Amino acid sequence: MATLRLFASAREAAGCGSDTFAEKSVGGLLDAAIERYGTPFAEVLATCRVWLNGEEVGREETLCDSDEVAVLPPVSGGL
């Protein structure tokens, strides 16, 4: 099973920082996460970048059991 790691507003929308999924593609995992966490998560996900094992990827990427998918919302900072 692949691990989904959630940060910042994605973590808040889902109500957890990580979870595991049996889906075989990044897109399948994200769809399953939307089903599990609902509309608030889907809305946040629309603004996020998705990384697989430290590299930005698209929904079509295949997953292996040891993979880690990270959902990274945009961040702002400043003085």
PDB file of N, CA and C in Angstrom:
ATOM      1  N   MET A   1       0.830  -1.184   0.000  1.00  0.00           N
ATOM      2  CA  MET A   1       0.000   0.000   0.000  1.00  0.00           C
ATOM      3  C   MET A   1       0.874   1.245   0.000  1.00  0.00           C
ATOM      4  N   ALA A   2       0.485   2.230  -0.776  1.00  0.00           N
ATOM      5  CA  ALA A   2       1.216   3.494  -0.842  1.00  0.00           C
ATOM      6  C   ALA A   2       0.765   4.391   0.308  1.00  0.00           C
ATOM      7  N   THR A   3       1.668   5.231   0.770  1.00  0.00           N
ATOM      8  CA  THR A   3       1.371   6.165   1.850  1.00  0.00           C
ATOM      9  C   THR A   3       1.087   7.539   1.279  1.00  0.00           C
ATOM     10  N   LEU A   4       0.017   8.154   1.748  1.00  0.00           N
ATOM     11  CA  LEU A   4      -0.327   9.524   1.396  1.00  0.00           C
ATOM     12  C   LEU A   4       0.056  10.412   2.561  1.00  0.00           C
ATOM     13  N   ARG A   5       0.865  11.430   2.285  1.00  0.00           N
ATOM     14  CA  ARG A   5       1.263  12.397   3.310  1.00  0.00           C
ATOM     15  C   ARG A   5       0.610  13.732   2.971  1.00  0.00           C
ATOM     16  N   LEU A   6      -0.007  14.337   3.972  1.00  0.00           N
ATOM     17  CA  LEU A   6      -0.741  15.577   3.777  1.00  0.00           C
ATOM     18  C   LEU A   6      -0.132  16.682   4.633  1.00  0.00           C
ATOM     19  N   PHE A   7      -0.071  17.884   4.069  1.00  0.00           N
ATOM     20  CA  PHE A   7       0.551  19.002   4.761  1.00  0.00           C
ATOM     21  C   PHE A   7      -0.380  20.213   4.779  1.00  0.00           C
ATOM     22  N   ALA A   8      -0.224  21.035   5.800  1.00  0.00           N
ATOM     23  CA  ALA A   8      -0.912  22.315   5.948  1.00  0.00           C
ATOM     24  C   ALA A   8      -2.421  22.184   5.757  1.00  0.00           C
ATOM     25  N   SER A   9      -2.995  22.941   4.832  1.00  0.00           N
ATOM     26  CA  SER A   9      -4.460  22.955   4.662  1.00  0.00           C
ATOM     27  C   SER A   9      -4.997  21.611   4.176  1.00  0.00           C
ATOM     28  N   ALA A  10      -4.193  20.824   3.473  1.00  0.00           N
ATOM     29  CA  ALA A  10      -4.632  19.486   3.058  1.00  0.00           C
ATOM     30  C   ALA A  10      -4.783  18.588   4.274  1.00  0.00           C
ATOM     31  N   ARG A  11      -3.876  18.709   5.208  1.00  0.00           N
ATOM     32  CA  ARG A  11      -3.953  17.945   6.467  1.00  0.00           C
ATOM     33  C   ARG A  11      -5.196  18.350   7.244  1.00  0.00           C
ATOM     34  N   GLU A  12      -5.450  19.644   7.322  1.00  0.00           N
ATOM     35  CA  GLU A  12      -6.623  20.136   8.049  1.00  0.00           C
ATOM     36  C   GLU A  12      -7.918  19.641   7.400  1.00  0.00           C
ATOM     37  N   ALA A  13      -7.992  19.699   6.066  1.00  0.00           N
ATOM     38  CA  ALA A  13      -9.208  19.293   5.358  1.00  0.00           C
ATOM     39  C   ALA A  13      -9.479  17.792   5.522  1.00  0.00           C
ATOM     40  N   ALA A  14      -8.418  16.999   5.547  1.00  0.00           N
ATOM     41  CA  ALA A  14      -8.573  15.549   5.667  1.00  0.00           C
ATOM     42  C   ALA A  14      -8.751  15.098   7.112  1.00  0.00           C
ATOM     43  N   GLY A  15      -8.234  15.878   8.037  1.00  0.00           N
ATOM     44  CA  GLY A  15      -8.317  15.492   9.441  1.00  0.00           C
ATOM     45  C   GLY A  15      -7.233  14.528   9.874  1.00  0.00           C
ATOM     46  N   CYS A  16      -6.213  14.348   9.027  1.00  0.00           N
ATOM     47  CA  CYS A  16      -5.082  13.475   9.385  1.00  0.00           C
ATOM     48  C   CYS A  16      -3.863  13.890   8.576  1.00  0.00           C
ATOM     49  N   GLY A  17      -2.697  13.463   9.022  1.00  0.00           N
ATOM     50  CA  GLY A  17      -1.459  13.807   8.351  1.00  0.00           C
ATOM     51  C   GLY A  17      -0.974  12.753   7.376  1.00  0.00           C
ATOM     52  N   SER A  18      -1.447  11.521   7.539  1.00  0.00           N
ATOM     53  CA  SER A  18      -1.049  10.463   6.613  1.00  0.00           C
ATOM     54  C   SER A  18      -2.072   9.342   6.638  1.00  0.00           C
ATOM     55  N   ASP A  19      -2.043   8.554   5.582  1.00  0.00           N
ATOM     56  CA  ASP A  19      -2.979   7.442   5.441  1.00  0.00           C
ATOM     57  C   ASP A  19      -2.384   6.493   4.403  1.00  0.00           C
ATOM     58  N   THR A  20      -2.934   5.307   4.269  1.00  0.00           N
ATOM     59  CA  THR A  20      -2.461   4.369   3.257  1.00  0.00           C
ATOM     60  C   THR A  20      -3.599   3.998   2.316  1.00  0.00           C
ATOM     61  N   PHE A  21      -3.221   3.723   1.063  1.00  0.00           N
ATOM     62  CA  PHE A  21      -4.182   3.397   0.016  1.00  0.00           C
ATOM     63  C   PHE A  21      -3.635   2.266  -0.840  1.00  0.00           C
ATOM     64  N   ALA A  22      -4.518   1.434  -1.347  1.00  0.00           N
ATOM     65  CA  ALA A  22      -4.129   0.286  -2.170  1.00  0.00           C
ATOM     66  C   ALA A  22      -4.192   0.578  -3.668  1.00  0.00           C
ATOM     67  N   GLU A  23      -4.580   1.778  -4.058  1.00  0.00           N
ATOM     68  CA  GLU A  23      -4.692   2.112  -5.480  1.00  0.00           C
ATOM     69  C   GLU A  23      -3.348   1.982  -6.194  1.00  0.00           C
ATOM     70  N   LYS A  24      -3.409   1.777  -7.500  1.00  0.00           N
ATOM     71  CA  LYS A  24      -2.207   1.500  -8.289  1.00  0.00           C
ATOM     72  C   LYS A  24      -1.697   2.689  -9.094  1.00  0.00           C
ATOM     73  N   SER A  25      -2.357   3.849  -8.994  1.00  0.00           N
ATOM     74  CA  SER A  25      -1.873   5.046  -9.674  1.00  0.00           C
ATOM     75  C   SER A  25      -2.070   6.252  -8.757  1.00  0.00           C
ATOM     76  N   VAL A  26      -1.321   7.309  -9.035  1.00  0.00           N
ATOM     77  CA  VAL A  26      -1.471   8.533  -8.255  1.00  0.00           C
ATOM     78  C   VAL A  26      -2.898   9.056  -8.375  1.00  0.00           C
ATOM     79  N   GLY A  27      -3.450   9.061  -9.590  1.00  0.00           N
ATOM     80  CA  GLY A  27      -4.811   9.530  -9.800  1.00  0.00           C
ATOM     81  C   GLY A  27      -5.828   8.705  -9.029  1.00  0.00           C
ATOM     82  N   GLY A  28      -5.658   7.392  -9.033  1.00  0.00           N
ATOM     83  CA  GLY A  28      -6.557   6.524  -8.290  1.00  0.00           C
ATOM     84  C   GLY A  28      -6.487   6.788  -6.795  1.00  0.00           C
ATOM     85  N   LEU A  29      -5.277   7.006  -6.294  1.00  0.00           N
ATOM     86  CA  LEU A  29      -5.097   7.314  -4.880  1.00  0.00           C
ATOM     87  C   LEU A  29      -5.776   8.635  -4.536  1.00  0.00           C
ATOM     88  N   LEU A  30      -5.580   9.652  -5.371  1.00  0.00           N
ATOM     89  CA  LEU A  30      -6.191  10.957  -5.099  1.00  0.00           C
ATOM     90  C   LEU A  30      -7.710  10.875  -5.149  1.00  0.00           C
ATOM     91  N   ASP A  31      -8.248  10.129  -6.100  1.00  0.00           N
ATOM     92  CA  ASP A  31      -9.701   9.945  -6.185  1.00  0.00           C
ATOM     93  C   ASP A  31     -10.232   9.241  -4.937  1.00  0.00           C
ATOM     94  N   ALA A  32      -9.504   8.220  -4.471  1.00  0.00           N
ATOM     95  CA  ALA A  32      -9.910   7.500  -3.266  1.00  0.00           C
ATOM     96  C   ALA A  32      -9.830   8.409  -2.040  1.00  0.00           C
ATOM     97  N   ALA A  33      -8.824   9.281  -2.006  1.00  0.00           N
ATOM     98  CA  ALA A  33      -8.695  10.225  -0.895  1.00  0.00           C
ATOM     99  C   ALA A  33      -9.849  11.223  -0.889  1.00  0.00           C
ATOM    100  N   ILE A  34     -10.255  11.681  -2.058  1.00  0.00           N
ATOM    101  CA  ILE A  34     -11.409  12.588  -2.144  1.00  0.00           C
ATOM    102  C   ILE A  34     -12.658  11.885  -1.634  1.00  0.00           C
ATOM    103  N   GLU A  35     -12.833  10.636  -2.024  1.00  0.00           N
ATOM    104  CA  GLU A  35     -13.989   9.871  -1.557  1.00  0.00           C
ATOM    105  C   GLU A  35     -13.957   9.699  -0.041  1.00  0.00           C
ATOM    106  N   ARG A  36     -12.770   9.455   0.501  1.00  0.00           N
ATOM    107  CA  ARG A  36     -12.626   9.220   1.940  1.00  0.00           C
ATOM    108  C   ARG A  36     -12.785  10.506   2.757  1.00  0.00           C
ATOM    109  N   TYR A  37     -12.234  11.619   2.265  1.00  0.00           N
ATOM    110  CA  TYR A  37     -12.180  12.859   3.053  1.00  0.00           C
ATOM    111  C   TYR A  37     -13.224  13.897   2.661  1.00  0.00           C
ATOM    112  N   GLY A  38     -13.835  13.767   1.479  1.00  0.00           N
ATOM    113  CA  GLY A  38     -14.949  14.638   1.116  1.00  0.00           C
ATOM    114  C   GLY A  38     -14.591  15.922   0.376  1.00  0.00           C
ATOM    115  N   THR A  39     -15.615  16.739   0.203  1.00  0.00           N
ATOM    116  CA  THR A  39     -15.534  17.969  -0.584  1.00  0.00           C
ATOM    117  C   THR A  39     -14.478  18.956  -0.083  1.00  0.00           C
ATOM    118  N   PRO A  40     -14.369  19.205   1.225  1.00  0.00           N
ATOM    119  CA  PRO A  40     -13.336  20.153   1.666  1.00  0.00           C
ATOM    120  C   PRO A  40     -11.933  19.750   1.206  1.00  0.00           C
ATOM    121  N   PHE A  41     -11.645  18.459   1.258  1.00  0.00           N
ATOM    122  CA  PHE A  41     -10.343  17.984   0.793  1.00  0.00           C
ATOM    123  C   PHE A  41     -10.205  18.174  -0.715  1.00  0.00           C
ATOM    124  N   ALA A  42     -11.258  17.874  -1.475  1.00  0.00           N
ATOM    125  CA  ALA A  42     -11.227  18.040  -2.932  1.00  0.00           C
ATOM    126  C   ALA A  42     -10.950  19.485  -3.307  1.00  0.00           C
ATOM    127  N   GLU A  43     -11.540  20.418  -2.584  1.00  0.00           N
ATOM    128  CA  GLU A  43     -11.329  21.844  -2.871  1.00  0.00           C
ATOM    129  C   GLU A  43      -9.884  22.256  -2.619  1.00  0.00           C
ATOM    130  N   VAL A  44      -9.304  21.766  -1.535  1.00  0.00           N
ATOM    131  CA  VAL A  44      -7.896  22.071  -1.241  1.00  0.00           C
ATOM    132  C   VAL A  44      -6.992  21.394  -2.267  1.00  0.00           C
ATOM    133  N   LEU A  45      -7.285  20.151  -2.601  1.00  0.00           N
ATOM    134  CA  LEU A  45      -6.458  19.389  -3.536  1.00  0.00           C
ATOM    135  C   LEU A  45      -6.323  20.099  -4.881  1.00  0.00           C
ATOM    136  N   ALA A  46      -7.362  20.797  -5.301  1.00  0.00           N
ATOM    137  CA  ALA A  46      -7.347  21.498  -6.587  1.00  0.00           C
ATOM    138  C   ALA A  46      -6.245  22.555  -6.674  1.00  0.00           C
ATOM    139  N   THR A  47      -5.740  23.018  -5.535  1.00  0.00           N
ATOM    140  CA  THR A  47      -4.703  24.051  -5.525  1.00  0.00           C
ATOM    141  C   THR A  47      -3.321  23.500  -5.190  1.00  0.00           C
ATOM    142  N   CYS A  48      -3.226  22.193  -4.988  1.00  0.00           N
ATOM    143  CA  CYS A  48      -1.993  21.571  -4.483  1.00  0.00           C
ATOM    144  C   CYS A  48      -1.109  21.016  -5.588  1.00  0.00           C
ATOM    145  N   ARG A  49       0.135  20.815  -5.215  1.00  0.00           N
ATOM    146  CA  ARG A  49       1.076  20.058  -6.033  1.00  0.00           C
ATOM    147  C   ARG A  49       1.168  18.665  -5.436  1.00  0.00           C
ATOM    148  N   VAL A  50       1.383  17.689  -6.302  1.00  0.00           N
ATOM    149  CA  VAL A  50       1.470  16.297  -5.854  1.00  0.00           C
ATOM    150  C   VAL A  50       2.847  15.760  -6.209  1.00  0.00           C
ATOM    151  N   TRP A  51       3.491  15.175  -5.221  1.00  0.00           N
ATOM    152  CA  TRP A  51       4.835  14.634  -5.390  1.00  0.00           C
ATOM    153  C   TRP A  51       4.818  13.145  -5.074  1.00  0.00           C
ATOM    154  N   LEU A  52       5.587  12.402  -5.837  1.00  0.00           N
ATOM    155  CA  LEU A  52       5.759  10.966  -5.622  1.00  0.00           C
ATOM    156  C   LEU A  52       7.231  10.719  -5.324  1.00  0.00           C
ATOM    157  N   ASN A  53       7.501  10.267  -4.115  1.00  0.00           N
ATOM    158  CA  ASN A  53       8.885   9.981  -3.700  1.00  0.00           C
ATOM    159  C   ASN A  53       9.820  11.149  -3.963  1.00  0.00           C
ATOM    160  N   GLY A  54       9.338  12.369  -3.695  1.00  0.00           N
ATOM    161  CA  GLY A  54      10.187  13.546  -3.792  1.00  0.00           C
ATOM    162  C   GLY A  54      10.227  14.227  -5.146  1.00  0.00           C
ATOM    163  N   GLU A  55       9.429  13.769  -6.110  1.00  0.00           N
ATOM    164  CA  GLU A  55       9.405  14.392  -7.430  1.00  0.00           C
ATOM    165  C   GLU A  55       7.970  14.697  -7.828  1.00  0.00           C
ATOM    166  N   GLU A  56       7.761  15.886  -8.410  1.00  0.00           N
ATOM    167  CA  GLU A  56       6.425  16.263  -8.847  1.00  0.00           C
ATOM    168  C   GLU A  56       5.978  15.360  -9.995  1.00  0.00           C
ATOM    169  N   VAL A  57       4.742  14.874  -9.924  1.00  0.00           N
ATOM    170  CA  VAL A  57       4.234  13.917 -10.917  1.00  0.00           C
ATOM    171  C   VAL A  57       2.803  14.253 -11.314  1.00  0.00           C
ATOM    172  N   GLY A  58       2.341  13.569 -12.346  1.00  0.00           N
ATOM    173  CA  GLY A  58       0.959  13.668 -12.783  1.00  0.00           C
ATOM    174  C   GLY A  58       0.150  12.500 -12.255  1.00  0.00           C
ATOM    175  N   ARG A  59      -1.137  12.541 -12.531  1.00  0.00           N
ATOM    176  CA  ARG A  59      -2.061  11.520 -12.044  1.00  0.00           C
ATOM    177  C   ARG A  59      -1.811  10.136 -12.640  1.00  0.00           C
ATOM    178  N   GLU A  60      -1.155  10.067 -13.781  1.00  0.00           N
ATOM    179  CA  GLU A  60      -0.987   8.792 -14.486  1.00  0.00           C
ATOM    180  C   GLU A  60       0.136   7.914 -13.925  1.00  0.00           C
ATOM    181  N   GLU A  61       0.942   8.435 -13.028  1.00  0.00           N
ATOM    182  CA  GLU A  61       2.077   7.668 -12.495  1.00  0.00           C
ATOM    183  C   GLU A  61       1.605   6.428 -11.740  1.00  0.00           C
ATOM    184  N   THR A  62       2.308   5.323 -11.954  1.00  0.00           N
ATOM    185  CA  THR A  62       2.011   4.051 -11.292  1.00  0.00           C
ATOM    186  C   THR A  62       2.614   4.040  -9.891  1.00  0.00           C
ATOM    187  N   LEU A  63       1.917   3.389  -8.967  1.00  0.00           N
ATOM    188  CA  LEU A  63       2.382   3.301  -7.583  1.00  0.00           C
ATOM    189  C   LEU A  63       2.825   1.889  -7.225  1.00  0.00           C
ATOM    190  N   CYS A  64       3.815   1.814  -6.339  1.00  0.00           N
ATOM    191  CA  CYS A  64       4.252   0.560  -5.728  1.00  0.00           C
ATOM    192  C   CYS A  64       3.945   0.639  -4.237  1.00  0.00           C
ATOM    193  N   ASP A  65       4.007  -0.487  -3.562  1.00  0.00           N
ATOM    194  CA  ASP A  65       3.644  -0.530  -2.144  1.00  0.00           C
ATOM    195  C   ASP A  65       4.477   0.383  -1.261  1.00  0.00           C
ATOM    196  N   SER A  66       5.716   0.612  -1.593  1.00  0.00           N
ATOM    197  CA  SER A  66       6.580   1.417  -0.726  1.00  0.00           C
ATOM    198  C   SER A  66       6.572   2.904  -1.081  1.00  0.00           C
ATOM    199  N   ASP A  67       5.752   3.321  -2.042  1.00  0.00           N
ATOM    200  CA  ASP A  67       5.751   4.709  -2.496  1.00  0.00           C
ATOM    201  C   ASP A  67       5.109   5.656  -1.492  1.00  0.00           C
ATOM    202  N   GLU A  68       5.546   6.911  -1.559  1.00  0.00           N
ATOM    203  CA  GLU A  68       4.987   7.969  -0.735  1.00  0.00           C
ATOM    204  C   GLU A  68       4.507   9.097  -1.636  1.00  0.00           C
ATOM    205  N   VAL A  69       3.224   9.411  -1.538  1.00  0.00           N
ATOM    206  CA  VAL A  69       2.618  10.505  -2.294  1.00  0.00           C
ATOM    207  C   VAL A  69       2.406  11.652  -1.317  1.00  0.00           C
ATOM    208  N   ALA A  70       2.941  12.830  -1.646  1.00  0.00           N
ATOM    209  CA  ALA A  70       2.800  13.997  -0.782  1.00  0.00           C
ATOM    210  C   ALA A  70       1.921  15.031  -1.471  1.00  0.00           C
ATOM    211  N   VAL A  71       0.981  15.581  -0.720  1.00  0.00           N
ATOM    212  CA  VAL A  71       0.108  16.645  -1.216  1.00  0.00           C
ATOM    213  C   VAL A  71       0.561  17.939  -0.540  1.00  0.00           C
ATOM    214  N   LEU A  72       1.035  18.878  -1.376  1.00  0.00           N
ATOM    215  CA  LEU A  72       1.640  20.103  -0.870  1.00  0.00           C
ATOM    216  C   LEU A  72       0.836  21.310  -1.322  1.00  0.00           C
ATOM    217  N   PRO A  73       0.080  21.916  -0.410  1.00  0.00           N
ATOM    218  CA  PRO A  73      -0.659  23.131  -0.748  1.00  0.00           C
ATOM    219  C   PRO A  73       0.311  24.295  -0.963  1.00  0.00           C
ATOM    220  N   PRO A  74      -0.148  25.317  -1.680  1.00  0.00           N
ATOM    221  CA  PRO A  74       0.715  26.502  -1.825  1.00  0.00           C
ATOM    222  C   PRO A  74       0.924  27.149  -0.448  1.00  0.00           C
ATOM    223  N   VAL A  75       2.085  27.694  -0.263  1.00  0.00           N
ATOM    224  CA  VAL A  75       2.393  28.370   0.995  1.00  0.00           C
ATOM    225  C   VAL A  75       2.769  29.807   0.700  1.00  0.00           C
ATOM    226  N   SER A  76       2.463  30.656   1.624  1.00  0.00           N
ATOM    227  CA  SER A  76       2.898  32.048   1.470  1.00  0.00           C
ATOM    228  C   SER A  76       3.660  32.433   2.716  1.00  0.00           C
ATOM    229  N   GLY A  77       4.499  33.366   2.558  1.00  0.00           N
ATOM    230  CA  GLY A  77       5.279  33.830   3.689  1.00  0.00           C
ATOM    231  C   GLY A  77       5.619  35.286   3.467  1.00  0.00           C
ATOM    232  N   GLY A  78       6.392  35.779   4.297  1.00  0.00           N
ATOM    233  CA  GLY A  78       6.801  37.174   4.140  1.00  0.00           C
ATOM    234  C   GLY A  78       7.086  37.790   5.472  1.00  0.00           C
ATOM    235  N   LEU A  79       7.341  39.048   5.412  1.00  0.00           N
ATOM    236  CA  LEU A  79       7.685  39.766   6.634  1.00  0.00           C
ATOM    237  C   LEU A  79       6.503  40.446   7.231  1.00  0.00           C
TER     238      LEU A  79
END
